[in-house]
Amino acid sequence: MSAIKHFLLVFDHAKNELVKNLEFGSDVDGATRCYGEMERKYRDSHAVDIVLVGSDSIETVKVTHSNYFVNGSRELVRNAMSIGRAV
């Protein structure tokens, strides 16, 4: 079993963009400290998600938190809305 790695994601919904994707490996203290810094930096922005994730790999994070990676959340909504439409 792989060790848990820590990933910090900062997603700006207004820009529809992942503005930070940081990997901290097993450094939980560094990850938590950076998370706090990002929370303070973006505290007045309701359009920014700050997420600290523990996972075995970034590939797994891209699956479990795909709305931050697949061309942003708006693209996922568009794709979901098009399911069942005639091609």
N, C-alpha and C. Protein backbone atom coordinates (compact mmCIF):
# COMPACT_ATOMS: atom_id res chain seq x y z
N MET A 1 0.84 -1.17 0.00
CA MET A 1 0.00 0.00 0.00
C MET A 1 0.89 1.24 0.00
N SER A 2 0.56 2.21 -0.82
CA SER A 2 1.34 3.44 -0.94
C SER A 2 1.07 4.36 0.23
N ALA A 3 2.10 5.15 0.56
CA ALA A 3 1.93 6.17 1.60
C ALA A 3 1.02 7.28 1.09
N ILE A 4 0.31 7.89 2.01
CA ILE A 4 -0.58 8.99 1.65
C ILE A 4 0.27 10.23 1.33
N LYS A 5 -0.05 10.86 0.20
CA LYS A 5 0.58 12.11 -0.20
C LYS A 5 -0.47 13.21 -0.07
N HIS A 6 -0.01 14.42 0.14
CA HIS A 6 -0.92 15.55 0.34
C HIS A 6 -0.85 16.49 -0.85
N PHE A 7 -2.02 16.89 -1.35
CA PHE A 7 -2.15 17.76 -2.51
C PHE A 7 -3.03 18.94 -2.15
N LEU A 8 -2.60 20.12 -2.52
CA LEU A 8 -3.38 21.32 -2.28
C LEU A 8 -3.86 21.85 -3.64
N LEU A 9 -5.17 21.97 -3.77
CA LEU A 9 -5.79 22.47 -5.00
C LEU A 9 -6.46 23.80 -4.70
N VAL A 10 -6.22 24.78 -5.56
CA VAL A 10 -6.90 26.07 -5.45
C VAL A 10 -7.56 26.31 -6.79
N PHE A 11 -8.89 26.31 -6.79
CA PHE A 11 -9.65 26.46 -8.04
C PHE A 11 -10.44 27.76 -8.00
N ASP A 12 -10.27 28.57 -9.03
CA ASP A 12 -10.98 29.85 -9.16
C ASP A 12 -12.14 29.65 -10.12
N HIS A 13 -13.37 29.64 -9.59
CA HIS A 13 -14.55 29.43 -10.43
C HIS A 13 -14.80 30.61 -11.36
N ALA A 14 -14.43 31.81 -10.95
CA ALA A 14 -14.63 32.98 -11.80
C ALA A 14 -13.77 32.88 -13.07
N LYS A 15 -12.59 32.31 -12.94
CA LYS A 15 -11.69 32.11 -14.09
C LYS A 15 -11.87 30.74 -14.72
N ASN A 16 -12.61 29.86 -14.01
CA ASN A 16 -12.76 28.47 -14.43
C ASN A 16 -11.39 27.82 -14.60
N GLU A 17 -10.54 27.99 -13.57
CA GLU A 17 -9.14 27.60 -13.69
C GLU A 17 -8.58 27.09 -12.37
N LEU A 18 -7.80 26.02 -12.46
CA LEU A 18 -7.04 25.53 -11.32
C LEU A 18 -5.80 26.41 -11.21
N VAL A 19 -5.76 27.28 -10.23
CA VAL A 19 -4.67 28.25 -10.13
C VAL A 19 -3.48 27.72 -9.35
N LYS A 20 -3.69 26.70 -8.53
CA LYS A 20 -2.59 26.04 -7.82
C LYS A 20 -2.87 24.56 -7.72
N ASN A 21 -1.82 23.77 -7.94
CA ASN A 21 -1.86 22.33 -7.78
C ASN A 21 -0.51 21.95 -7.19
N LEU A 22 -0.47 21.89 -5.86
CA LEU A 22 0.80 21.67 -5.16
C LEU A 22 0.83 20.30 -4.51
N GLU A 23 1.96 19.61 -4.61
CA GLU A 23 2.14 18.32 -3.96
C GLU A 23 3.13 18.47 -2.82
N PHE A 24 2.77 17.92 -1.66
CA PHE A 24 3.61 18.02 -0.47
C PHE A 24 4.16 16.67 -0.03
N GLY A 25 3.90 15.63 -0.79
CA GLY A 25 4.35 14.31 -0.37
C GLY A 25 3.77 13.97 0.99
N SER A 26 4.60 13.50 1.91
CA SER A 26 4.12 13.12 3.24
C SER A 26 4.21 14.26 4.25
N ASP A 27 4.57 15.47 3.79
CA ASP A 27 4.74 16.63 4.67
C ASP A 27 3.39 17.24 5.04
N VAL A 28 2.73 16.63 6.01
CA VAL A 28 1.40 17.10 6.41
C VAL A 28 1.47 18.49 7.05
N ASP A 29 2.55 18.78 7.77
CA ASP A 29 2.67 20.11 8.40
C ASP A 29 2.81 21.20 7.34
N GLY A 30 3.65 20.96 6.33
CA GLY A 30 3.80 21.93 5.25
C GLY A 30 2.51 22.12 4.47
N ALA A 31 1.81 21.01 4.21
CA ALA A 31 0.55 21.07 3.48
C ALA A 31 -0.49 21.86 4.27
N THR A 32 -0.57 21.61 5.56
CA THR A 32 -1.54 22.30 6.41
C THR A 32 -1.21 23.78 6.53
N ARG A 33 0.07 24.09 6.65
CA ARG A 33 0.51 25.49 6.73
C ARG A 33 0.15 26.23 5.44
N CYS A 34 0.42 25.64 4.30
CA CYS A 34 0.11 26.26 3.01
C CYS A 34 -1.40 26.41 2.84
N TYR A 35 -2.16 25.41 3.29
CA TYR A 35 -3.62 25.49 3.24
C TYR A 35 -4.10 26.72 4.00
N GLY A 36 -3.56 26.93 5.19
CA GLY A 36 -3.93 28.10 5.99
C GLY A 36 -3.59 29.40 5.29
N GLU A 37 -2.42 29.43 4.65
CA GLU A 37 -2.01 30.63 3.90
C GLU A 37 -2.98 30.92 2.77
N MET A 38 -3.39 29.89 2.04
CA MET A 38 -4.33 30.07 0.92
C MET A 38 -5.70 30.50 1.44
N GLU A 39 -6.13 29.94 2.56
CA GLU A 39 -7.41 30.34 3.16
C GLU A 39 -7.38 31.83 3.50
N ARG A 40 -6.28 32.30 4.06
CA ARG A 40 -6.16 33.72 4.39
C ARG A 40 -6.11 34.57 3.12
N LYS A 41 -5.35 34.13 2.14
CA LYS A 41 -5.21 34.89 0.90
C LYS A 41 -6.54 35.07 0.19
N TYR A 42 -7.36 34.03 0.16
CA TYR A 42 -8.62 34.06 -0.59
C TYR A 42 -9.85 34.18 0.29
N ARG A 43 -9.69 34.59 1.53
CA ARG A 43 -10.82 34.60 2.47
C ARG A 43 -12.00 35.45 2.02
N ASP A 44 -11.75 36.49 1.22
CA ASP A 44 -12.84 37.36 0.76
C ASP A 44 -13.40 36.94 -0.59
N SER A 45 -12.88 35.88 -1.15
CA SER A 45 -13.35 35.42 -2.46
C SER A 45 -14.26 34.21 -2.30
N HIS A 46 -15.50 34.39 -2.72
CA HIS A 46 -16.45 33.27 -2.66
C HIS A 46 -16.37 32.40 -3.90
N ALA A 47 -15.52 32.79 -4.85
CA ALA A 47 -15.40 32.04 -6.10
C ALA A 47 -14.23 31.06 -6.08
N VAL A 48 -13.50 30.99 -4.98
CA VAL A 48 -12.31 30.15 -4.93
C VAL A 48 -12.51 29.00 -3.95
N ASP A 49 -12.25 27.78 -4.45
CA ASP A 49 -12.23 26.59 -3.61
C ASP A 49 -10.79 26.28 -3.25
N ILE A 50 -10.54 25.99 -1.98
CA ILE A 50 -9.22 25.58 -1.51
C ILE A 50 -9.41 24.21 -0.88
N VAL A 51 -8.74 23.21 -1.46
CA VAL A 51 -8.97 21.83 -1.05
C VAL A 51 -7.63 21.16 -0.75
N LEU A 52 -7.54 20.55 0.41
CA LEU A 52 -6.37 19.77 0.78
C LEU A 52 -6.79 18.31 0.76
N VAL A 53 -6.12 17.52 -0.08
CA VAL A 53 -6.53 16.14 -0.32
C VAL A 53 -5.38 15.20 0.03
N GLY A 54 -5.71 14.12 0.69
CA GLY A 54 -4.75 13.04 0.93
C GLY A 54 -5.07 11.89 0.00
N SER A 55 -4.06 11.42 -0.72
CA SER A 55 -4.28 10.36 -1.70
C SER A 55 -2.98 9.64 -1.99
N ASP A 56 -3.07 8.52 -2.70
CA ASP A 56 -1.87 7.79 -3.07
C ASP A 56 -1.14 8.42 -4.25
N SER A 57 -1.88 9.20 -5.09
CA SER A 57 -1.25 9.79 -6.28
C SER A 57 -2.10 10.93 -6.82
N ILE A 58 -1.47 11.77 -7.63
CA ILE A 58 -2.21 12.86 -8.29
C ILE A 58 -3.22 12.28 -9.29
N GLU A 59 -2.91 11.13 -9.85
CA GLU A 59 -3.84 10.50 -10.79
C GLU A 59 -5.16 10.16 -10.09
N THR A 60 -5.07 9.67 -8.87
CA THR A 60 -6.28 9.36 -8.10
C THR A 60 -7.04 10.64 -7.78
N VAL A 61 -6.32 11.70 -7.41
CA VAL A 61 -6.96 12.99 -7.12
C VAL A 61 -7.69 13.50 -8.36
N LYS A 62 -7.10 13.30 -9.53
CA LYS A 62 -7.74 13.76 -10.77
C LYS A 62 -9.04 13.01 -11.03
N VAL A 63 -9.16 11.80 -10.51
CA VAL A 63 -10.41 11.04 -10.64
C VAL A 63 -11.41 11.48 -9.58
N THR A 64 -10.96 11.55 -8.33
CA THR A 64 -11.87 11.87 -7.23
C THR A 64 -12.29 13.33 -7.20
N HIS A 65 -11.48 14.20 -7.78
CA HIS A 65 -11.77 15.64 -7.80
C HIS A 65 -11.69 16.16 -9.24
N SER A 66 -12.27 15.40 -10.15
CA SER A 66 -12.14 15.68 -11.58
C SER A 66 -12.69 17.04 -11.98
N ASN A 67 -13.63 17.58 -11.24
CA ASN A 67 -14.20 18.88 -11.61
C ASN A 67 -13.14 19.99 -11.57
N TYR A 68 -12.03 19.77 -10.90
CA TYR A 68 -10.96 20.76 -10.86
C TYR A 68 -9.96 20.58 -12.01
N PHE A 69 -10.04 19.47 -12.72
CA PHE A 69 -9.03 19.15 -13.72
C PHE A 69 -9.54 19.09 -15.15
N VAL A 70 -10.75 18.64 -15.38
CA VAL A 70 -11.27 18.42 -16.73
C VAL A 70 -11.87 19.70 -17.27
N ASN A 71 -11.00 20.62 -17.69
CA ASN A 71 -11.43 21.90 -18.25
C ASN A 71 -12.39 22.66 -17.34
N GLY A 72 -12.27 22.43 -16.06
CA GLY A 72 -13.07 23.18 -15.10
C GLY A 72 -14.48 22.64 -14.94
N SER A 73 -15.15 23.14 -13.94
CA SER A 73 -16.47 22.64 -13.59
C SER A 73 -17.53 23.02 -14.62
N ARG A 74 -17.38 24.14 -15.30
CA ARG A 74 -18.38 24.52 -16.31
C ARG A 74 -18.43 23.50 -17.43
N GLU A 75 -17.27 23.00 -17.83
CA GLU A 75 -17.23 22.00 -18.90
C GLU A 75 -17.93 20.72 -18.45
N LEU A 76 -17.75 20.32 -17.21
CA LEU A 76 -18.43 19.14 -16.71
C LEU A 76 -19.94 19.31 -16.74
N VAL A 77 -20.42 20.49 -16.38
CA VAL A 77 -21.86 20.76 -16.41
C VAL A 77 -22.36 20.69 -17.85
N ARG A 78 -21.63 21.30 -18.78
CA ARG A 78 -22.04 21.24 -20.19
C ARG A 78 -22.11 19.80 -20.68
N ASN A 79 -21.10 19.00 -20.31
CA ASN A 79 -21.09 17.61 -20.73
C ASN A 79 -22.25 16.85 -20.12
N ALA A 80 -22.53 17.07 -18.85
CA ALA A 80 -23.63 16.39 -18.20
C ALA A 80 -24.96 16.75 -18.83
N MET A 81 -25.12 18.00 -19.20
CA MET A 81 -26.36 18.45 -19.81
C MET A 81 -26.55 17.88 -21.21
N SER A 82 -25.46 17.50 -21.87
CA SER A 82 -25.56 17.00 -23.24
C SER A 82 -25.80 15.50 -23.31
N ILE A 83 -25.74 14.81 -22.17
CA ILE A 83 -25.96 13.36 -22.16
C ILE A 83 -27.38 13.09 -22.63
N GLY A 84 -27.50 12.20 -23.57
CA GLY A 84 -28.81 11.82 -24.07
C GLY A 84 -29.26 12.61 -25.28
N ARG A 85 -28.55 13.68 -25.63
CA ARG A 85 -28.90 14.43 -26.83
C ARG A 85 -28.46 13.67 -28.07
N ALA A 86 -29.18 13.87 -29.12
CA ALA A 86 -28.82 13.25 -30.40
C ALA A 86 -27.54 13.88 -30.91
N VAL A 87 -26.67 13.05 -31.46
CA VAL A 87 -25.39 13.53 -31.98
C VAL A 87 -25.52 13.88 -33.43
